[in-house]
Amino acid sequence: MKKFVPLFFIIILSGFTTSYSQATFDFLRIDMSARAASLGGSFLANNDDIDVIFYNPAGLKLLSGRPASFSFVKYLLDINLASVAYSQEIGDIGRFGAAIQYINYGTFTAADEFGNKTGEFNAGELAMLVGYANTLSENFYYGANVKLLYSSIDGRSASALALDLGLHYAIPSQEMDLGFSILNAGKELTSYYSTKEDLPVDVGVGLSKKLEHIPVKIYVDFRKLNEKQSQFSEHFKAFSVGGEIALSKVMTLRLGYNNERRSELKIASFAGLAGFNLGLGVLVSNYKFDYGFSSLGQIGSLHRVSISTTF
């Protein structure tokens, strides 16, 4: 059965590489993990963090023990996001994971067609997912997530069912990992009105490499490879790069750059520090505390904090 998995991924990919449109549930594109965000979002080839479940479910198989994490994102205005994730191996069946992503858009003032205030309402979106990963062959892993999505605004709601698929190939002798994933492939089950929208499907590939003789690990991702572009080279404009520098056994400095984010946030010819990210990780006992800072240029900045441990 395992030998048919790569063919399955190729068939699925062919169905999504030729179509793209503006999608609902776009909050799924926001980096939840402080560590991942500080690397510019380059996390498809990660092999040691439970939050890889949001980027490439195949990476779950390389985890050990029962890791868990909690992340909080202070977004713009009154918008806040949070996520929790957990994973464990179950006998010889494989490794399972579960996670929740939530975004709260804040409180809004309701008014009638004449501008008279009639009260207040809230808006938010939720993603609940269950993941599974196992070994395909030596150093080769596969994984999948099933997601239930829900969105609500002032009494109206929409829901969707989505699937994430991933592959991960490790090269231990070179301390290198390769990742491939298809995220958010699915459809709306119910919509706010009569028209159903596409989900934000994202096809990406990634690489991570521990450099020799120096305590530095490099990450590179290419995302949104499924989107239509006028020129072939534009397929690779949604790339990100990141680096982790181990300052000591308990402290890690992180830097990242997201090219697409910088391009989108450019105002006229000025982008400031948009697309650049900075982070710090500290290990205290068995707990990892991560902080991530992401610049949005003149618009502002995002702050993220994550706490993770292994039981």
Protein backbone atom coordinates (compact mmCIF):
# COMPACT_ATOMS: atom_id res chain seq x y z
CA MET A 1 0.00 0.00 0.00
CA LYS A 2 2.80 2.43 0.85
CA LYS A 3 4.23 2.41 -2.68
CA PHE A 4 1.04 4.03 -3.99
CA VAL A 5 1.30 7.06 -1.68
CA PRO A 6 3.68 9.15 -3.90
CA LEU A 7 1.39 8.60 -6.91
CA PHE A 8 -1.56 9.71 -4.80
CA PHE A 9 0.21 12.96 -3.94
CA ILE A 10 1.04 13.61 -7.60
CA ILE A 11 -2.58 13.10 -8.64
CA ILE A 12 -3.82 15.44 -5.91
CA LEU A 13 -1.20 18.07 -6.82
CA SER A 14 -2.19 18.06 -10.50
CA GLY A 15 -5.72 19.02 -9.50
CA PHE A 16 -4.65 22.14 -7.65
CA THR A 17 -1.66 23.56 -9.51
CA THR A 18 -3.79 25.12 -12.23
CA SER A 19 -6.43 26.93 -10.21
CA TYR A 20 -6.52 29.76 -7.77
CA SER A 21 -8.94 32.46 -6.70
CA GLN A 22 -9.37 34.74 -3.72
CA ALA A 23 -10.40 32.50 -0.85
CA THR A 24 -12.26 32.72 2.43
CA PHE A 25 -10.74 31.36 5.66
CA ASP A 26 -7.54 33.25 4.79
CA PHE A 27 -6.60 33.30 8.48
CA LEU A 28 -5.17 29.81 7.81
CA ARG A 29 -2.25 31.54 6.07
CA ILE A 30 -1.20 33.42 9.22
CA ASP A 31 1.81 31.99 11.04
CA MET A 32 0.71 30.96 14.52
CA SER A 33 4.03 29.73 15.90
CA ALA A 34 6.45 32.39 17.17
CA ARG A 35 9.36 30.23 16.05
CA ALA A 36 8.02 29.67 12.53
CA ALA A 37 7.10 33.33 12.11
CA SER A 38 10.55 34.54 13.16
CA LEU A 39 11.95 32.33 10.37
CA GLY A 40 9.76 34.11 7.85
CA GLY A 41 7.31 31.20 7.82
CA SER A 42 9.93 28.76 6.51
CA PHE A 43 8.77 25.64 8.34
CA LEU A 44 7.82 23.01 5.74
CA ALA A 45 10.97 20.99 6.41
CA ASN A 46 10.98 21.27 10.20
CA ASN A 47 11.63 18.02 12.12
CA ASP A 48 11.56 18.90 15.83
CA ASP A 49 8.54 21.11 16.59
CA ILE A 50 4.89 20.14 17.15
CA ASP A 51 3.77 23.27 15.27
CA VAL A 52 4.97 21.65 12.05
CA ILE A 53 1.45 20.17 12.02
CA PHE A 54 0.26 23.52 10.59
CA TYR A 55 2.83 23.42 7.76
CA ASN A 56 3.54 19.81 6.86
CA PRO A 57 1.82 16.94 8.71
CA ALA A 58 4.51 14.49 7.56
CA GLY A 59 6.95 16.22 9.92
CA LEU A 60 4.97 14.85 12.87
CA LYS A 61 6.57 11.44 12.41
CA LEU A 62 10.02 12.75 13.35
CA LEU A 63 8.83 14.03 16.72
CA SER A 64 9.42 12.13 19.94
CA GLY A 65 7.46 11.81 23.17
CA ARG A 66 4.22 13.74 23.59
CA PRO A 67 4.92 17.35 22.55
CA ALA A 68 2.42 20.13 23.12
CA SER A 69 2.39 23.86 22.37
CA PHE A 70 0.37 27.02 22.88
CA SER A 71 0.80 30.16 20.77
CA PHE A 72 -0.70 33.64 20.94
CA VAL A 73 -0.54 36.30 18.24
CA LYS A 74 -1.20 39.98 18.92
CA TYR A 75 -2.41 41.09 15.49
CA LEU A 76 -3.41 44.55 14.28
CA LEU A 77 -6.12 46.57 16.04
CA ASP A 78 -8.17 44.28 18.32
CA ILE A 79 -7.51 41.12 16.31
CA ASN A 80 -5.97 38.24 18.28
CA LEU A 81 -5.15 34.66 17.38
CA ALA A 82 -4.30 31.58 19.41
CA SER A 83 -3.46 27.95 18.73
CA VAL A 84 -2.84 24.74 20.65
CA ALA A 85 -1.28 21.54 19.32
CA TYR A 86 -0.52 18.07 20.67
CA SER A 87 0.93 14.83 19.29
CA GLN A 88 1.78 11.32 20.37
CA GLU A 89 2.70 7.93 18.94
CA ILE A 90 0.05 5.23 19.29
CA GLY A 91 1.55 1.76 19.29
CA ASP A 92 2.55 0.52 15.84
CA ILE A 93 -0.26 2.48 14.18
CA GLY A 94 1.69 5.69 13.71
CA ARG A 95 1.86 9.20 15.13
CA PHE A 96 -1.27 11.25 15.61
CA GLY A 97 -1.70 14.94 16.22
CA ALA A 98 -4.50 17.37 17.03
CA ALA A 99 -4.64 21.15 16.94
CA ILE A 100 -6.93 24.15 17.10
CA GLN A 101 -6.48 27.57 15.50
CA TYR A 102 -8.73 30.49 16.47
CA ILE A 103 -8.95 34.12 15.41
CA ASN A 104 -11.08 36.77 17.14
CA TYR A 105 -11.68 39.88 15.03
CA GLY A 106 -13.02 41.85 17.99
CA THR A 107 -16.29 43.63 18.69
CA PHE A 108 -18.06 45.81 16.12
CA THR A 109 -20.89 48.33 16.33
CA ALA A 110 -24.09 47.29 14.57
CA ALA A 111 -26.22 49.93 12.82
CA ASP A 112 -29.28 50.05 10.58
CA GLU A 113 -29.45 51.51 7.07
CA PHE A 114 -29.90 55.00 8.54
CA GLY A 115 -26.77 54.79 10.68
CA ASN A 116 -28.60 54.31 13.96
CA LYS A 117 -26.67 52.09 16.36
CA THR A 118 -28.53 48.91 17.18
CA GLY A 119 -25.98 47.09 19.32
CA GLU A 120 -22.72 45.19 18.95
CA PHE A 121 -21.60 41.97 17.32
CA ASN A 122 -18.50 39.75 17.20
CA ALA A 123 -16.68 37.91 14.44
CA GLY A 124 -14.31 34.97 14.57
CA GLU A 125 -13.05 31.87 12.80
CA LEU A 126 -11.98 28.45 14.01
CA ALA A 127 -10.04 25.49 12.61
CA MET A 128 -9.97 22.10 14.31
CA LEU A 129 -7.71 19.45 12.86
CA VAL A 130 -6.61 15.86 13.40
CA GLY A 131 -3.37 14.67 11.84
CA TYR A 132 -1.63 11.39 11.14
CA ALA A 133 1.92 10.57 10.02
CA ASN A 134 3.91 7.42 9.37
CA THR A 135 6.97 6.03 7.62
CA LEU A 136 6.88 5.45 3.88
CA SER A 137 10.41 4.04 3.62
CA GLU A 138 13.77 4.68 5.30
CA ASN A 139 14.02 8.40 6.10
CA PHE A 140 10.86 9.06 4.05
CA TYR A 141 7.61 10.05 5.77
CA TYR A 142 4.06 10.99 4.84
CA GLY A 143 1.24 12.67 6.71
CA ALA A 144 -2.25 14.12 6.43
CA ASN A 145 -4.56 16.43 8.38
CA VAL A 146 -8.34 16.59 8.26
CA LYS A 147 -9.67 20.07 9.11
CA LEU A 148 -13.09 21.30 10.10
CA LEU A 149 -13.39 25.06 9.56
CA TYR A 150 -16.00 27.44 10.97
CA SER A 151 -16.54 31.17 10.53
CA SER A 152 -19.16 33.43 12.10
CA ILE A 153 -20.19 37.09 11.87
CA ASP A 154 -23.21 38.54 13.69
CA GLY A 155 -25.36 35.42 13.66
CA ARG A 156 -24.34 34.26 10.18
CA SER A 157 -21.86 31.45 9.65
CA ALA A 158 -19.95 29.38 7.12
CA SER A 159 -18.21 26.03 7.42
CA ALA A 160 -15.78 23.96 5.36
CA LEU A 161 -13.92 20.67 5.31
CA ALA A 162 -10.26 20.66 4.25
CA LEU A 163 -7.32 18.30 3.88
CA ASP A 164 -3.57 18.81 4.29
CA LEU A 165 -1.13 16.37 2.70
CA GLY A 166 2.62 16.23 3.26
CA LEU A 167 5.85 14.41 2.50
CA HIS A 168 9.13 14.69 4.39
CA TYR A 169 12.52 13.28 3.37
CA ALA A 170 15.42 13.33 5.83
CA ILE A 171 19.11 13.06 4.96
CA PRO A 172 20.72 12.46 8.38
CA SER A 173 24.29 12.23 7.05
CA GLN A 174 24.02 15.82 5.79
CA GLU A 175 21.69 17.08 8.53
CA MET A 176 19.28 18.12 5.79
CA ASP A 177 15.50 17.78 5.47
CA LEU A 178 13.17 18.28 2.52
CA GLY A 179 9.44 18.94 2.82
CA PHE A 180 6.47 19.12 0.49
CA SER A 181 2.87 19.94 1.39
CA ILE A 182 -0.56 20.74 0.01
CA LEU A 183 -2.56 22.76 2.53
CA ASN A 184 -6.27 23.59 2.76
CA ALA A 185 -7.51 21.47 -0.12
CA GLY A 186 -11.26 21.14 0.28
CA LYS A 187 -14.56 22.97 -0.08
CA GLU A 188 -17.13 24.96 1.80
CA LEU A 189 -19.96 22.96 3.30
CA THR A 190 -22.12 25.97 4.11
CA SER A 191 -21.61 29.60 3.12
CA TYR A 192 -22.66 33.02 4.38
CA TYR A 193 -24.83 33.54 1.33
CA SER A 194 -25.63 31.54 -1.81
CA THR A 195 -22.13 31.68 -3.35
CA LYS A 196 -19.52 29.28 -2.04
CA GLU A 197 -15.89 30.38 -2.16
CA ASP A 198 -12.66 28.48 -2.68
CA LEU A 199 -10.38 27.68 0.22
CA PRO A 200 -6.82 29.13 0.31
CA VAL A 201 -5.06 26.10 -1.20
CA ASP A 202 -1.29 26.36 -0.80
CA VAL A 203 1.27 24.06 -2.44
CA GLY A 204 4.82 24.43 -1.16
CA VAL A 205 8.26 22.89 -0.89
CA GLY A 206 10.89 23.52 1.75
CA LEU A 207 14.43 22.69 2.83
CA SER A 208 16.28 22.90 6.13
CA LYS A 209 20.02 22.41 6.56
CA LYS A 210 22.28 22.41 9.61
CA LEU A 211 25.57 24.01 8.58
CA GLU A 212 28.83 22.25 9.35
CA HIS A 213 31.17 23.47 12.09
CA ILE A 214 28.96 26.41 13.10
CA PRO A 215 25.74 26.41 15.22
CA VAL A 216 23.50 27.67 12.41
CA LYS A 217 20.49 26.07 10.72
CA ILE A 218 19.05 27.47 7.49
CA TYR A 219 15.44 27.18 6.28
CA VAL A 220 14.06 27.95 2.80
CA ASP A 221 10.44 27.65 1.64
CA PHE A 222 8.65 28.25 -1.66
CA ARG A 223 4.88 28.62 -1.18
CA LYS A 224 1.79 29.15 -3.35
CA LEU A 225 3.30 27.19 -6.23
CA ASN A 226 -0.24 26.35 -7.36
CA GLU A 227 -1.21 29.92 -8.17
CA LYS A 228 -1.50 31.06 -11.78
CA GLN A 229 1.21 33.49 -12.88
CA SER A 230 1.86 35.35 -16.12
CA GLN A 231 5.51 34.31 -16.11
CA PHE A 232 7.14 31.08 -14.96
CA SER A 233 9.63 32.87 -12.69
CA GLU A 234 6.75 34.48 -10.75
CA HIS A 235 5.79 31.05 -9.38
CA PHE A 236 8.76 31.39 -7.02
CA LYS A 237 8.17 34.91 -5.72
CA ALA A 238 6.39 33.63 -2.57
CA PHE A 239 9.60 32.46 -0.94
CA SER A 240 10.92 32.85 2.58
CA VAL A 241 14.28 32.21 4.21
CA GLY A 242 15.23 31.91 7.86
CA GLY A 243 18.12 31.09 10.09
CA GLU A 244 18.56 29.83 13.65
CA ILE A 245 21.74 30.65 15.54
CA ALA A 246 22.35 28.65 18.71
CA LEU A 247 23.87 31.20 21.10
CA SER A 248 24.06 28.60 23.86
CA LYS A 249 22.39 25.36 24.91
CA VAL A 250 19.41 27.30 26.21
CA MET A 251 19.14 30.32 23.90
CA THR A 252 18.55 30.59 20.14
CA LEU A 253 18.43 33.70 17.96
CA ARG A 254 16.27 33.61 14.82
CA LEU A 255 16.09 35.78 11.70
CA GLY A 256 13.72 35.54 8.76
CA TYR A 257 12.64 37.17 5.53
CA ASN A 258 9.36 36.77 3.63
CA ASN A 259 9.59 38.06 0.07
CA GLU A 260 5.89 38.03 -0.78
CA ARG A 261 4.96 39.87 2.41
CA ARG A 262 7.50 42.56 1.65
CA SER A 263 6.18 42.99 -1.90
CA GLU A 264 2.54 43.21 -0.76
CA LEU A 265 3.28 45.76 1.97
CA LYS A 266 5.35 48.08 -0.20
CA ILE A 267 3.84 51.57 -0.40
CA ALA A 268 4.96 53.22 -3.63
CA SER A 269 8.66 52.33 -3.66
CA PHE A 270 9.07 52.22 0.12
CA ALA A 271 8.73 49.03 2.17
CA GLY A 272 10.75 49.82 5.29
CA LEU A 273 11.37 46.62 7.24
CA ALA A 274 8.26 44.88 5.91
CA GLY A 275 8.88 41.16 5.48
CA PHE A 276 11.71 41.00 8.01
CA ASN A 277 11.34 38.95 11.18
CA LEU A 278 13.24 38.47 14.40
CA GLY A 279 12.87 35.98 17.22
CA LEU A 280 14.36 34.49 20.34
CA GLY A 281 13.96 31.06 21.90
CA VAL A 282 14.80 30.19 25.50
CA LEU A 283 14.82 26.75 27.09
CA VAL A 284 13.94 26.68 30.79
CA SER A 285 13.91 23.21 32.31
CA ASN A 286 11.63 21.25 29.98
CA TYR A 287 9.80 24.30 28.62
CA LYS A 288 10.61 26.28 25.49
CA PHE A 289 9.61 29.93 25.39
CA ASP A 290 9.64 31.57 21.96
CA TYR A 291 9.06 35.16 20.90
CA GLY A 292 8.63 36.37 17.33
CA PHE A 293 8.52 39.89 15.89
CA SER A 294 7.28 40.51 12.35
CA SER A 295 7.44 43.90 10.65
CA LEU A 296 4.57 45.02 8.42
CA GLY A 297 6.38 48.19 7.40
CA GLN A 298 4.39 51.39 7.83
CA ILE A 299 1.28 49.41 8.81
CA GLY A 300 2.76 48.20 12.08
CA SER A 301 4.15 44.97 13.49
CA LEU A 302 3.05 41.64 14.91
CA HIS A 303 4.12 40.04 18.17
CA ARG A 304 3.89 36.32 18.88
CA VAL A 305 4.63 34.19 21.92
CA SER A 306 4.72 30.40 22.12
CA ILE A 307 5.22 27.93 24.94
CA SER A 308 5.96 24.27 24.25
CA THR A 309 7.01 21.19 26.19
CA THR A 310 7.22 17.43 25.87
CA PHE A 311 5.48 15.14 28.30
